[in-house]
């Protein structure tokens, strides 16, 4: 299982557009084969900071997602919403139980 945390520092003036544009990406990503979870979380302690928490079956599913039309379309415009570089952390996760 692959877990990805993508952290966005969003320009406050563009926050509403950012969230609106992500809704299509989230829905399409959740429908992908190999997706276990794809959820956006807003930080409580930091203004305008969001983290996309993705859980994928395997690296192949991540690769298919990264090449999907909905992901590449969002990635092409993501920088216009950000005030800092996108932070991405990936983990090889295994269930504890």
N, C-alpha and C. Protein backbone atom coordinates (compact mmCIF):
# COMPACT_ATOMS: atom_id res chain seq x y z
N UNK A 1 0.84 -1.17 0.00
CA UNK A 1 0.00 0.00 0.00
C UNK A 1 0.89 1.24 0.00
N UNK A 2 0.55 2.20 -0.85
CA UNK A 2 1.30 3.45 -0.95
C UNK A 2 0.45 4.58 -0.37
N UNK A 3 1.04 5.35 0.54
CA UNK A 3 0.36 6.49 1.15
C UNK A 3 1.11 7.75 0.74
N UNK A 4 0.37 8.74 0.26
CA UNK A 4 0.97 10.00 -0.18
C UNK A 4 0.30 11.15 0.55
N UNK A 5 1.12 12.07 1.05
CA UNK A 5 0.63 13.32 1.63
C UNK A 5 1.14 14.45 0.76
N UNK A 6 0.24 15.19 0.14
CA UNK A 6 0.60 16.35 -0.67
C UNK A 6 0.08 17.58 0.05
N UNK A 7 1.00 18.45 0.50
CA UNK A 7 0.62 19.62 1.28
C UNK A 7 0.68 20.87 0.42
N UNK A 8 -0.43 21.61 0.43
CA UNK A 8 -0.59 22.82 -0.36
C UNK A 8 -0.67 24.04 0.55
N UNK A 9 0.15 25.04 0.31
CA UNK A 9 0.06 26.34 0.98
C UNK A 9 -0.63 27.26 -0.02
N UNK A 10 -1.90 27.55 0.24
CA UNK A 10 -2.76 28.19 -0.75
C UNK A 10 -2.83 29.70 -0.53
N UNK A 11 -2.78 30.43 -1.64
CA UNK A 11 -2.97 31.87 -1.63
C UNK A 11 -4.39 32.14 -1.12
N UNK A 12 -4.55 32.92 -0.04
CA UNK A 12 -5.89 33.16 0.51
C UNK A 12 -6.88 33.75 -0.51
N UNK A 13 -6.39 34.55 -1.43
CA UNK A 13 -7.26 35.16 -2.44
C UNK A 13 -7.77 34.14 -3.45
N UNK A 14 -7.13 32.98 -3.51
CA UNK A 14 -7.51 31.96 -4.49
C UNK A 14 -8.01 30.67 -3.83
N UNK A 15 -8.23 30.72 -2.54
CA UNK A 15 -8.61 29.52 -1.80
C UNK A 15 -9.92 28.90 -2.29
N UNK A 16 -10.94 29.71 -2.52
CA UNK A 16 -12.23 29.18 -2.96
C UNK A 16 -12.10 28.50 -4.32
N UNK A 17 -11.35 29.10 -5.24
CA UNK A 17 -11.14 28.49 -6.55
C UNK A 17 -10.35 27.19 -6.43
N UNK A 18 -9.35 27.19 -5.55
CA UNK A 18 -8.54 25.99 -5.32
C UNK A 18 -9.42 24.83 -4.88
N UNK A 19 -10.25 25.06 -3.87
CA UNK A 19 -11.12 24.00 -3.35
C UNK A 19 -12.12 23.56 -4.41
N UNK A 20 -12.69 24.50 -5.15
CA UNK A 20 -13.65 24.15 -6.20
C UNK A 20 -13.00 23.30 -7.28
N UNK A 21 -11.79 23.65 -7.69
CA UNK A 21 -11.11 22.89 -8.74
C UNK A 21 -10.70 21.50 -8.27
N UNK A 22 -10.48 21.34 -6.98
CA UNK A 22 -10.09 20.03 -6.46
C UNK A 22 -11.25 19.05 -6.40
N UNK A 23 -12.48 19.54 -6.36
CA UNK A 23 -13.61 18.62 -6.20
C UNK A 23 -13.70 17.62 -7.35
N UNK A 24 -13.45 18.06 -8.57
CA UNK A 24 -13.45 17.14 -9.71
C UNK A 24 -12.31 16.15 -9.66
N UNK A 25 -11.13 16.63 -9.27
CA UNK A 25 -9.96 15.75 -9.13
C UNK A 25 -10.22 14.68 -8.09
N UNK A 26 -10.80 15.07 -6.97
CA UNK A 26 -11.05 14.13 -5.89
C UNK A 26 -12.03 13.05 -6.34
N UNK A 27 -13.14 13.45 -6.94
CA UNK A 27 -14.14 12.48 -7.38
C UNK A 27 -13.58 11.51 -8.41
N UNK A 28 -12.85 12.03 -9.38
CA UNK A 28 -12.28 11.16 -10.42
C UNK A 28 -11.21 10.24 -9.85
N UNK A 29 -10.42 10.74 -8.92
CA UNK A 29 -9.35 9.93 -8.31
C UNK A 29 -9.94 8.82 -7.44
N UNK A 30 -10.98 9.13 -6.70
CA UNK A 30 -11.62 8.11 -5.85
C UNK A 30 -12.23 6.98 -6.68
N UNK A 31 -12.58 7.27 -7.93
CA UNK A 31 -13.19 6.26 -8.80
C UNK A 31 -12.15 5.40 -9.52
N UNK A 32 -10.87 5.74 -9.39
CA UNK A 32 -9.82 5.00 -10.08
C UNK A 32 -9.62 3.61 -9.50
N UNK A 33 -9.29 2.68 -10.38
CA UNK A 33 -8.91 1.33 -9.96
C UNK A 33 -7.63 1.46 -9.12
N UNK A 34 -7.62 0.83 -7.98
CA UNK A 34 -6.44 0.86 -7.12
C UNK A 34 -6.45 1.96 -6.08
N UNK A 35 -7.46 2.84 -6.11
CA UNK A 35 -7.53 3.89 -5.08
C UNK A 35 -8.26 3.35 -3.87
N UNK A 36 -7.67 3.57 -2.71
CA UNK A 36 -8.29 3.17 -1.45
C UNK A 36 -8.88 4.40 -0.76
N UNK A 37 -8.18 5.54 -0.83
CA UNK A 37 -8.67 6.79 -0.25
C UNK A 37 -8.01 7.96 -0.96
N UNK A 38 -8.76 9.06 -1.07
CA UNK A 38 -8.24 10.29 -1.69
C UNK A 38 -9.05 11.42 -1.07
N UNK A 39 -8.51 12.03 -0.02
CA UNK A 39 -9.26 12.99 0.77
C UNK A 39 -8.45 14.25 1.06
N UNK A 40 -9.13 15.40 0.98
CA UNK A 40 -8.50 16.68 1.26
C UNK A 40 -8.82 17.08 2.69
N UNK A 41 -7.77 17.50 3.42
CA UNK A 41 -7.92 17.94 4.81
C UNK A 41 -7.36 19.34 4.96
N UNK A 42 -8.09 20.18 5.67
CA UNK A 42 -7.62 21.55 5.94
C UNK A 42 -6.98 21.58 7.32
N UNK A 43 -5.79 22.18 7.40
CA UNK A 43 -5.07 22.28 8.67
C UNK A 43 -5.85 23.18 9.64
N UNK A 44 -5.88 22.77 10.88
CA UNK A 44 -6.55 23.55 11.91
C UNK A 44 -5.61 24.63 12.44
N UNK A 45 -4.34 24.32 12.54
CA UNK A 45 -3.38 25.23 13.16
C UNK A 45 -2.68 26.17 12.18
N UNK A 46 -2.92 26.00 10.87
CA UNK A 46 -2.27 26.85 9.88
C UNK A 46 -3.30 27.35 8.88
N UNK A 47 -3.33 28.66 8.69
CA UNK A 47 -4.26 29.24 7.73
C UNK A 47 -3.89 28.82 6.31
N UNK A 48 -4.89 28.49 5.51
CA UNK A 48 -4.72 28.23 4.08
C UNK A 48 -3.77 27.08 3.75
N UNK A 49 -3.68 26.11 4.63
CA UNK A 49 -2.85 24.93 4.37
C UNK A 49 -3.77 23.71 4.29
N UNK A 50 -3.61 22.96 3.21
CA UNK A 50 -4.40 21.76 2.96
C UNK A 50 -3.46 20.60 2.71
N UNK A 51 -3.91 19.40 3.09
CA UNK A 51 -3.15 18.19 2.77
C UNK A 51 -4.08 17.18 2.10
N UNK A 52 -3.64 16.73 0.93
CA UNK A 52 -4.35 15.65 0.24
C UNK A 52 -3.73 14.35 0.76
N UNK A 53 -4.55 13.50 1.32
CA UNK A 53 -4.09 12.20 1.82
C UNK A 53 -4.59 11.15 0.84
N UNK A 54 -3.64 10.50 0.19
CA UNK A 54 -3.95 9.49 -0.83
C UNK A 54 -3.48 8.12 -0.34
N UNK A 55 -4.29 7.12 -0.58
CA UNK A 55 -3.90 5.74 -0.28
C UNK A 55 -4.19 4.92 -1.53
N UNK A 56 -3.14 4.25 -2.01
CA UNK A 56 -3.22 3.48 -3.25
C UNK A 56 -2.84 2.03 -2.99
N UNK A 57 -3.41 1.14 -3.77
CA UNK A 57 -3.15 -0.30 -3.65
C UNK A 57 -1.66 -0.61 -3.83
N UNK A 58 -1.04 0.01 -4.87
CA UNK A 58 0.35 -0.28 -5.18
C UNK A 58 0.93 0.82 -6.06
N UNK A 59 2.21 0.69 -6.39
CA UNK A 59 2.89 1.71 -7.19
C UNK A 59 2.31 1.81 -8.59
N UNK A 60 1.82 0.71 -9.12
CA UNK A 60 1.21 0.74 -10.45
C UNK A 60 -0.02 1.66 -10.45
N UNK A 61 -0.84 1.58 -9.42
CA UNK A 61 -2.02 2.44 -9.31
C UNK A 61 -1.61 3.91 -9.21
N UNK A 62 -0.54 4.20 -8.49
CA UNK A 62 -0.03 5.57 -8.39
C UNK A 62 0.40 6.07 -9.76
N UNK A 63 1.11 5.23 -10.50
CA UNK A 63 1.57 5.60 -11.83
C UNK A 63 0.43 5.90 -12.78
N UNK A 64 -0.60 5.07 -12.75
CA UNK A 64 -1.78 5.31 -13.58
C UNK A 64 -2.46 6.62 -13.20
N UNK A 65 -2.55 6.87 -11.90
CA UNK A 65 -3.15 8.12 -11.42
C UNK A 65 -2.34 9.32 -11.89
N UNK A 66 -1.02 9.25 -11.72
CA UNK A 66 -0.16 10.38 -12.08
C UNK A 66 -0.21 10.70 -13.58
N UNK A 67 -0.62 9.75 -14.40
CA UNK A 67 -0.73 9.97 -15.84
C UNK A 67 -2.17 10.18 -16.30
N UNK A 68 -3.11 10.19 -15.35
CA UNK A 68 -4.52 10.36 -15.72
C UNK A 68 -4.79 11.79 -16.18
N UNK A 69 -5.80 11.95 -16.98
CA UNK A 69 -6.16 13.28 -17.50
C UNK A 69 -6.54 14.24 -16.38
N UNK A 70 -7.32 13.77 -15.42
CA UNK A 70 -7.76 14.66 -14.34
C UNK A 70 -6.59 15.12 -13.47
N UNK A 71 -5.62 14.23 -13.23
CA UNK A 71 -4.47 14.63 -12.42
C UNK A 71 -3.55 15.57 -13.17
N UNK A 72 -3.23 15.26 -14.41
CA UNK A 72 -2.31 16.11 -15.18
C UNK A 72 -2.92 17.49 -15.43
N UNK A 73 -4.24 17.55 -15.61
CA UNK A 73 -4.90 18.85 -15.79
C UNK A 73 -4.78 19.70 -14.53
N UNK A 74 -5.00 19.08 -13.37
CA UNK A 74 -4.86 19.84 -12.13
C UNK A 74 -3.40 20.24 -11.90
N UNK A 75 -2.48 19.31 -12.10
CA UNK A 75 -1.06 19.60 -11.87
C UNK A 75 -0.57 20.76 -12.73
N UNK A 76 -1.12 20.90 -13.92
CA UNK A 76 -0.70 21.97 -14.82
C UNK A 76 -1.10 23.35 -14.29
N UNK A 77 -2.11 23.41 -13.44
CA UNK A 77 -2.59 24.70 -12.94
C UNK A 77 -2.34 24.91 -11.45
N UNK A 78 -1.86 23.90 -10.75
CA UNK A 78 -1.74 23.96 -9.29
C UNK A 78 -0.90 25.13 -8.80
N UNK A 79 0.20 25.43 -9.48
CA UNK A 79 1.10 26.48 -9.00
C UNK A 79 0.44 27.84 -8.89
N UNK A 80 -0.58 28.09 -9.69
CA UNK A 80 -1.24 29.40 -9.66
C UNK A 80 -1.98 29.64 -8.34
N UNK A 81 -2.24 28.59 -7.58
CA UNK A 81 -2.95 28.70 -6.30
C UNK A 81 -2.01 28.77 -5.10
N UNK A 82 -0.74 28.44 -5.29
CA UNK A 82 0.15 28.22 -4.16
C UNK A 82 1.03 29.41 -3.82
N UNK A 83 1.36 29.52 -2.52
CA UNK A 83 2.29 30.55 -2.04
C UNK A 83 3.64 29.95 -1.68
N UNK A 84 3.76 28.62 -1.75
CA UNK A 84 5.01 27.91 -1.45
C UNK A 84 5.02 26.65 -2.31
N UNK A 85 6.19 26.08 -2.51
CA UNK A 85 6.26 24.84 -3.31
C UNK A 85 5.42 23.72 -2.68
N UNK A 86 4.83 22.91 -3.52
CA UNK A 86 4.06 21.75 -3.09
C UNK A 86 4.99 20.80 -2.34
N UNK A 87 4.54 20.31 -1.21
CA UNK A 87 5.32 19.34 -0.42
C UNK A 87 4.69 17.96 -0.59
N UNK A 88 5.48 17.00 -1.07
CA UNK A 88 4.96 15.65 -1.27
C UNK A 88 5.80 14.66 -0.48
N UNK A 89 5.12 13.84 0.31
CA UNK A 89 5.77 12.77 1.06
C UNK A 89 5.06 11.47 0.73
N UNK A 90 5.82 10.44 0.40
CA UNK A 90 5.25 9.14 0.07
C UNK A 90 5.76 8.09 1.04
N UNK A 91 4.88 7.16 1.40
CA UNK A 91 5.20 6.14 2.38
C UNK A 91 4.76 4.77 1.87
N UNK A 92 5.51 3.76 2.22
CA UNK A 92 5.13 2.38 1.94
C UNK A 92 4.44 1.89 3.21
N UNK A 93 3.12 1.87 3.20
CA UNK A 93 2.36 1.54 4.41
C UNK A 93 1.85 0.13 4.43
N UNK A 94 1.83 -0.45 5.59
CA UNK A 94 1.29 -1.79 5.78
C UNK A 94 0.34 -1.74 6.96
N UNK A 95 -0.81 -2.39 6.87
CA UNK A 95 -1.73 -2.42 8.01
C UNK A 95 -1.07 -3.02 9.25
N UNK A 96 -1.41 -2.48 10.40
CA UNK A 96 -0.85 -2.98 11.66
C UNK A 96 -1.60 -4.20 12.17
N UNK A 97 -2.81 -4.40 11.72
CA UNK A 97 -3.57 -5.54 12.26
C UNK A 97 -3.48 -6.75 11.36
